[in-house]
Structures are given as C-alpha cells and as structure tokens.
Amino acid sequence: MSTHRHPREVDPTPPRVTTRRRTSTPASDEEPEERDRVWVGSPGGWVTVSRVLCEPLVAQLVGEDVSWRIAVADWHSRRPSLWHLRARLTWSREGGALECKRARLSTSAAGLRLTH
C-alpha cells in the first residue's frame, strides 16, 4: 500500500490550540520556551524557537517549509474547473511536485529528529 499523500490531503496550517487558565500554579521560568514554538507543516509538528535559533539546519528547514506552505496555499487557490482538462492536468502535476517537496522536507525533518 502506498503512503503517497497528495497536497490536498495535507493541511500545512498548524492545528488550533486552545488555552486553559491555570489557577493553581504560577508560571515557571521554563514555560515560555516550551510555548515559543514554530509550526513545521511538511512533517506536521512543532519546533521550539530556541532550536531554530541555535541550529542552522533546523532554521533552513523551517524556511523551506514556509516556502512549501505558501506554494501549497497558492496551488489550492489556482484550482481549475473540471471542464478545463489540460489546465487540470497541469495543476495536478504541480500538486505532485509539491508532494515530492513535502516528502523531502519530511525526510529531512526526520533526519534532524523533528518528528517522532
């Protein structure tokens, strides 16, 4: 079975996080670092800002991921009608190229231990 996912099936936006009020414990010095995170959409996970600032390869991956997410959003916005077969074929091929880029970024993220 293939694990190929088309960009339409990948949501590059971060999941919505709800905040809960804490009344029992005051904020510690370590909490802000844990809350300061950057969403990396291609593998679908969070990276701490301190890791992005300290590790150049992680920073490069985050930059490439942002580029990929913008390309996916642009690609979604240009979806042609079903009646325009050639345009639809070209659009679909572009989606395949975006999926290849997502797979490459996800592999790089795994190599940097950004995913579980």
Protein backbone atom coordinates (compact mmCIF):
# COMPACT_ATOMS: atom_id res chain seq x y z
CA MET A 1 0.00 0.00 0.00
CA SER A 2 1.37 3.40 -0.94
CA THR A 3 1.85 6.13 1.64
CA HIS A 4 1.71 8.81 -1.08
CA ARG A 5 -0.33 11.80 0.10
CA HIS A 6 -1.49 14.43 -2.34
CA PRO A 7 -1.05 18.06 -1.16
CA ARG A 8 -4.84 18.34 -0.98
CA GLU A 9 -4.73 15.76 1.84
CA VAL A 10 -2.03 17.61 3.80
CA ASP A 11 -3.05 20.61 5.84
CA PRO A 12 0.05 22.79 6.13
CA THR A 13 -1.56 25.07 8.70
CA PRO A 14 -0.92 24.49 12.39
CA PRO A 15 -3.65 22.90 14.48
CA ARG A 16 -5.68 25.25 16.62
CA VAL A 17 -4.58 25.24 20.23
CA THR A 18 -6.93 26.14 22.99
CA THR A 19 -5.56 27.74 26.10
CA ARG A 20 -6.66 26.82 29.57
CA ARG A 21 -6.45 29.08 32.54
CA ARG A 22 -4.21 27.91 35.33
CA THR A 23 -5.15 28.96 38.79
CA SER A 24 -3.15 26.53 40.88
CA THR A 25 0.48 27.03 39.83
CA PRO A 26 2.36 30.18 38.84
CA ALA A 27 4.28 30.27 35.55
CA SER A 28 7.80 28.93 35.86
CA ASP A 29 10.90 30.20 34.05
CA GLU A 30 10.88 27.15 31.73
CA GLU A 31 7.35 27.53 30.39
CA PRO A 32 7.91 30.39 27.91
CA GLU A 33 10.46 28.34 25.97
CA GLU A 34 8.02 25.46 25.72
CA ARG A 35 5.28 27.77 24.45
CA ASP A 36 7.51 29.57 21.92
CA ARG A 37 7.24 27.15 19.04
CA VAL A 38 7.18 27.25 15.25
CA TRP A 39 4.88 25.03 13.18
CA VAL A 40 6.62 22.88 10.55
CA GLY A 41 3.80 21.80 8.27
CA SER A 42 5.52 19.29 5.98
CA PRO A 43 6.15 16.71 8.73
CA GLY A 44 3.29 18.12 10.82
CA GLY A 45 4.97 19.10 14.08
CA TRP A 46 6.19 21.87 16.31
CA VAL A 47 9.81 23.03 16.82
CA THR A 48 10.94 25.26 19.66
CA VAL A 49 12.20 28.70 18.69
CA SER A 50 15.40 28.11 20.64
CA ARG A 51 16.16 25.11 18.43
CA VAL A 52 15.53 27.17 15.28
CA LEU A 53 17.87 29.89 16.53
CA CYS A 54 20.65 27.53 17.66
CA GLU A 55 20.69 25.00 14.80
CA PRO A 56 21.23 26.38 11.26
CA LEU A 57 19.90 23.23 9.55
CA VAL A 58 16.68 23.43 11.53
CA ALA A 59 16.35 27.12 10.61
CA GLN A 60 16.89 26.25 6.93
CA LEU A 61 14.25 23.50 7.13
CA VAL A 62 11.76 25.92 8.72
CA GLY A 63 12.42 28.44 5.93
CA GLU A 64 11.91 25.82 3.23
CA ASP A 65 8.77 24.61 4.99
CA VAL A 66 7.31 28.13 4.98
CA SER A 67 8.08 28.33 1.25
CA TRP A 68 6.33 24.97 0.72
CA ARG A 69 3.25 26.07 2.73
CA ILE A 70 2.96 29.28 0.66
CA ALA A 71 3.26 27.23 -2.55
CA VAL A 72 0.53 24.83 -1.37
CA ALA A 73 -1.79 27.73 -0.49
CA ASP A 74 -1.12 29.31 -3.91
CA TRP A 75 -1.68 25.96 -5.62
CA HIS A 76 -5.02 25.47 -3.84
CA SER A 77 -6.14 28.97 -4.87
CA ARG A 78 -5.49 28.25 -8.57
CA ARG A 79 -7.56 25.07 -8.83
CA PRO A 80 -9.05 24.98 -12.35
CA SER A 81 -12.56 23.88 -13.21
CA LEU A 82 -13.18 20.22 -14.05
CA TRP A 83 -14.07 21.33 -17.57
CA HIS A 84 -10.55 22.66 -18.27
CA LEU A 85 -8.87 19.29 -18.70
CA ARG A 86 -5.40 20.46 -19.76
CA ALA A 87 -5.23 23.08 -17.04
CA ARG A 88 -6.44 20.48 -14.54
CA LEU A 89 -3.72 18.05 -15.65
CA THR A 90 -1.01 20.70 -15.32
CA TRP A 91 -2.37 21.71 -11.91
CA SER A 92 -2.40 18.09 -10.78
CA ARG A 93 1.22 17.59 -11.89
CA GLU A 94 2.19 20.69 -9.92
CA GLY A 95 0.49 19.12 -6.90
CA GLY A 96 2.62 16.02 -7.42
CA ALA A 97 5.77 18.16 -7.40
CA LEU A 98 4.61 19.81 -4.16
CA GLU A 99 4.05 16.38 -2.65
CA CYS A 100 7.61 15.38 -3.60
CA LYS A 101 8.90 18.50 -1.88
CA ARG A 102 6.80 17.68 1.21
CA ALA A 103 8.24 14.18 1.30
CA ARG A 104 11.79 15.53 1.01
CA LEU A 105 11.19 18.05 3.79
CA SER A 106 9.60 15.38 5.96
CA THR A 107 12.62 13.11 5.45
CA SER A 108 14.95 15.98 6.34
CA ALA A 109 12.87 16.67 9.46
CA ALA A 110 13.19 13.03 10.49
CA GLY A 111 16.96 13.24 9.97
CA LEU A 112 17.06 16.26 12.27
CA ARG A 113 14.84 14.41 14.77
CA LEU A 114 11.98 16.86 14.45
CA THR A 115 9.38 14.11 14.13
CA HIS A 116 8.58 11.15 16.32
